[in-house]
Amino acid sequence: MKTSSSAKILAEAINRAIEDHIITTSEYEEILRIANEDGIIDPEERALLSQLQEMIADRTVRRGVV
């Protein structure tokens, strides 16, 4: 299955946001905006968002403020 362009953009945004192991509210909101931009969250985007949630849940990535 070919990776959608929106999934690539979402993956890049997630990677930028978690580089320092802290995701700010604005970064998180931007990620959600990108995921919802085309009105469809495809399976690959859903998997990326799920992985992000898992990293937040297990504290690999912390939620920060800014």
N, C-alpha and C. Protein backbone atom coordinates (compact mmCIF):
# COMPACT_ATOMS: atom_id res chain seq x y z
N MET A 1 0.84 -1.19 0.00
CA MET A 1 0.00 0.00 0.00
C MET A 1 0.88 1.24 0.00
N LYS A 2 0.56 2.19 -0.84
CA LYS A 2 1.31 3.42 -0.97
C LYS A 2 0.95 4.37 0.17
N THR A 3 1.98 5.04 0.73
CA THR A 3 1.76 6.00 1.80
C THR A 3 1.12 7.26 1.22
N SER A 4 0.05 7.72 1.86
CA SER A 4 -0.62 8.93 1.38
C SER A 4 0.24 10.15 1.70
N SER A 5 0.06 11.19 0.91
CA SER A 5 0.84 12.41 1.14
C SER A 5 0.49 13.01 2.48
N SER A 6 -0.78 12.93 2.88
CA SER A 6 -1.16 13.49 4.18
C SER A 6 -0.54 12.70 5.32
N ALA A 7 -0.37 11.39 5.16
CA ALA A 7 0.28 10.58 6.19
C ALA A 7 1.76 10.95 6.30
N LYS A 8 2.40 11.24 5.17
CA LYS A 8 3.81 11.66 5.20
C LYS A 8 3.95 12.99 5.93
N ILE A 9 3.06 13.92 5.64
CA ILE A 9 3.10 15.23 6.31
C ILE A 9 2.85 15.07 7.79
N LEU A 10 1.89 14.20 8.15
CA LEU A 10 1.59 13.95 9.56
C LEU A 10 2.78 13.32 10.27
N ALA A 11 3.43 12.35 9.64
CA ALA A 11 4.60 11.70 10.23
C ALA A 11 5.72 12.70 10.47
N GLU A 12 5.94 13.58 9.50
CA GLU A 12 6.98 14.61 9.64
C GLU A 12 6.66 15.54 10.81
N ALA A 13 5.40 15.94 10.93
CA ALA A 13 4.99 16.83 12.03
C ALA A 13 5.17 16.15 13.38
N ILE A 14 4.81 14.88 13.45
CA ILE A 14 4.97 14.14 14.70
C ILE A 14 6.44 14.02 15.05
N ASN A 15 7.27 13.68 14.07
CA ASN A 15 8.71 13.54 14.33
C ASN A 15 9.33 14.85 14.81
N ARG A 16 8.94 15.96 14.20
CA ARG A 16 9.46 17.27 14.64
C ARG A 16 9.02 17.55 16.08
N ALA A 17 7.77 17.23 16.37
CA ALA A 17 7.21 17.54 17.68
C ALA A 17 7.84 16.72 18.80
N ILE A 18 8.25 15.49 18.50
CA ILE A 18 8.77 14.63 19.56
C ILE A 18 10.29 14.55 19.62
N GLU A 19 10.97 15.33 18.80
CA GLU A 19 12.44 15.32 18.81
C GLU A 19 13.02 15.48 20.21
N ASP A 20 12.43 16.38 20.98
CA ASP A 20 12.95 16.66 22.32
C ASP A 20 12.21 15.89 23.41
N HIS A 21 11.37 14.92 22.99
CA HIS A 21 10.59 14.07 23.91
C HIS A 21 9.55 14.86 24.70
N ILE A 22 9.22 16.04 24.23
CA ILE A 22 8.17 16.86 24.84
C ILE A 22 7.29 17.36 23.70
N ILE A 23 5.99 17.22 23.85
CA ILE A 23 5.07 17.73 22.84
C ILE A 23 4.22 18.81 23.48
N THR A 24 4.29 19.98 22.91
CA THR A 24 3.54 21.11 23.46
C THR A 24 2.09 21.03 22.99
N THR A 25 1.25 21.79 23.65
CA THR A 25 -0.16 21.84 23.27
C THR A 25 -0.30 22.33 21.83
N SER A 26 0.47 23.33 21.47
CA SER A 26 0.37 23.86 20.10
C SER A 26 0.85 22.82 19.07
N GLU A 27 1.88 22.07 19.39
CA GLU A 27 2.34 21.01 18.48
C GLU A 27 1.26 19.93 18.34
N TYR A 28 0.67 19.55 19.46
CA TYR A 28 -0.38 18.53 19.46
C TYR A 28 -1.58 18.99 18.63
N GLU A 29 -1.98 20.24 18.82
CA GLU A 29 -3.10 20.79 18.05
C GLU A 29 -2.78 20.84 16.56
N GLU A 30 -1.55 21.17 16.22
CA GLU A 30 -1.13 21.20 14.82
C GLU A 30 -1.19 19.80 14.22
N ILE A 31 -0.78 18.80 14.96
CA ILE A 31 -0.83 17.41 14.50
C ILE A 31 -2.27 17.00 14.23
N LEU A 32 -3.17 17.33 15.14
CA LEU A 32 -4.59 17.02 14.95
C LEU A 32 -5.17 17.77 13.75
N ARG A 33 -4.75 19.03 13.56
CA ARG A 33 -5.21 19.81 12.42
C ARG A 33 -4.79 19.15 11.11
N ILE A 34 -3.53 18.72 11.05
CA ILE A 34 -3.02 18.05 9.85
C ILE A 34 -3.79 16.76 9.59
N ALA A 35 -4.03 16.00 10.64
CA ALA A 35 -4.75 14.72 10.48
C ALA A 35 -6.16 14.93 9.96
N ASN A 36 -6.80 16.00 10.39
CA ASN A 36 -8.20 16.26 10.01
C ASN A 36 -8.34 17.16 8.79
N GLU A 37 -7.25 17.62 8.24
CA GLU A 37 -7.29 18.62 7.17
C GLU A 37 -8.13 18.20 5.97
N ASP A 38 -8.01 16.95 5.55
CA ASP A 38 -8.75 16.52 4.37
C ASP A 38 -10.10 15.88 4.73
N GLY A 39 -10.43 15.89 6.00
CA GLY A 39 -11.71 15.35 6.44
C GLY A 39 -11.74 13.84 6.58
N ILE A 40 -10.61 13.19 6.28
CA ILE A 40 -10.54 11.73 6.36
C ILE A 40 -9.26 11.35 7.10
N ILE A 41 -9.40 10.53 8.13
CA ILE A 41 -8.22 9.99 8.80
C ILE A 41 -8.08 8.55 8.30
N ASP A 42 -7.11 8.37 7.39
CA ASP A 42 -6.93 7.05 6.79
C ASP A 42 -6.24 6.11 7.78
N PRO A 43 -6.18 4.82 7.49
CA PRO A 43 -5.60 3.85 8.43
C PRO A 43 -4.15 4.17 8.83
N GLU A 44 -3.37 4.67 7.89
CA GLU A 44 -1.98 5.01 8.21
C GLU A 44 -1.90 6.19 9.18
N GLU A 45 -2.73 7.20 8.94
CA GLU A 45 -2.77 8.35 9.85
C GLU A 45 -3.26 7.90 11.23
N ARG A 46 -4.26 7.03 11.25
CA ARG A 46 -4.79 6.52 12.51
C ARG A 46 -3.70 5.79 13.29
N ALA A 47 -2.88 5.00 12.58
CA ALA A 47 -1.78 4.27 13.22
C ALA A 47 -0.75 5.25 13.80
N LEU A 48 -0.43 6.30 13.04
CA LEU A 48 0.53 7.30 13.52
C LEU A 48 0.02 7.99 14.78
N LEU A 49 -1.26 8.37 14.77
CA LEU A 49 -1.85 9.02 15.94
C LEU A 49 -1.89 8.07 17.13
N SER A 50 -2.16 6.81 16.87
CA SER A 50 -2.18 5.81 17.94
C SER A 50 -0.80 5.64 18.56
N GLN A 51 0.22 5.60 17.71
CA GLN A 51 1.60 5.48 18.21
C GLN A 51 1.97 6.70 19.05
N LEU A 52 1.56 7.88 18.62
CA LEU A 52 1.83 9.09 19.39
C LEU A 52 1.14 9.00 20.76
N GLN A 53 -0.11 8.58 20.76
CA GLN A 53 -0.84 8.44 22.03
C GLN A 53 -0.16 7.44 22.96
N GLU A 54 0.34 6.34 22.40
CA GLU A 54 1.06 5.35 23.20
C GLU A 54 2.32 5.95 23.81
N MET A 55 3.05 6.75 23.03
CA MET A 55 4.27 7.38 23.55
C MET A 55 3.94 8.37 24.66
N ILE A 56 2.83 9.05 24.54
CA ILE A 56 2.40 9.98 25.59
C ILE A 56 1.96 9.19 26.82
N ALA A 57 1.22 8.11 26.61
CA ALA A 57 0.72 7.30 27.72
C ALA A 57 1.84 6.65 28.51
N ASP A 58 2.87 6.15 27.81
CA ASP A 58 3.96 5.49 28.54
C ASP A 58 5.09 6.45 28.91
N ARG A 59 4.82 7.76 28.69
CA ARG A 59 5.73 8.84 29.10
C ARG A 59 7.05 8.84 28.31
N THR A 60 7.10 8.19 27.16
CA THR A 60 8.26 8.32 26.27
C THR A 60 8.32 9.76 25.79
N VAL A 61 7.13 10.32 25.56
CA VAL A 61 6.98 11.72 25.18
C VAL A 61 6.08 12.35 26.22
N ARG A 62 6.53 13.46 26.80
CA ARG A 62 5.74 14.17 27.81
C ARG A 62 4.97 15.30 27.17
N ARG A 63 3.82 15.61 27.75
CA ARG A 63 3.06 16.78 27.32
C ARG A 63 3.66 17.99 28.01
N GLY A 64 3.92 19.03 27.27
CA GLY A 64 4.46 20.26 27.81
C GLY A 64 3.57 21.43 27.45
N VAL A 65 3.91 22.57 27.97
CA VAL A 65 3.15 23.78 27.66
C VAL A 65 4.03 24.76 26.90
N VAL A 66 3.42 25.47 26.01
CA VAL A 66 4.05 26.57 25.26
C VAL A 66 3.08 27.01 24.20
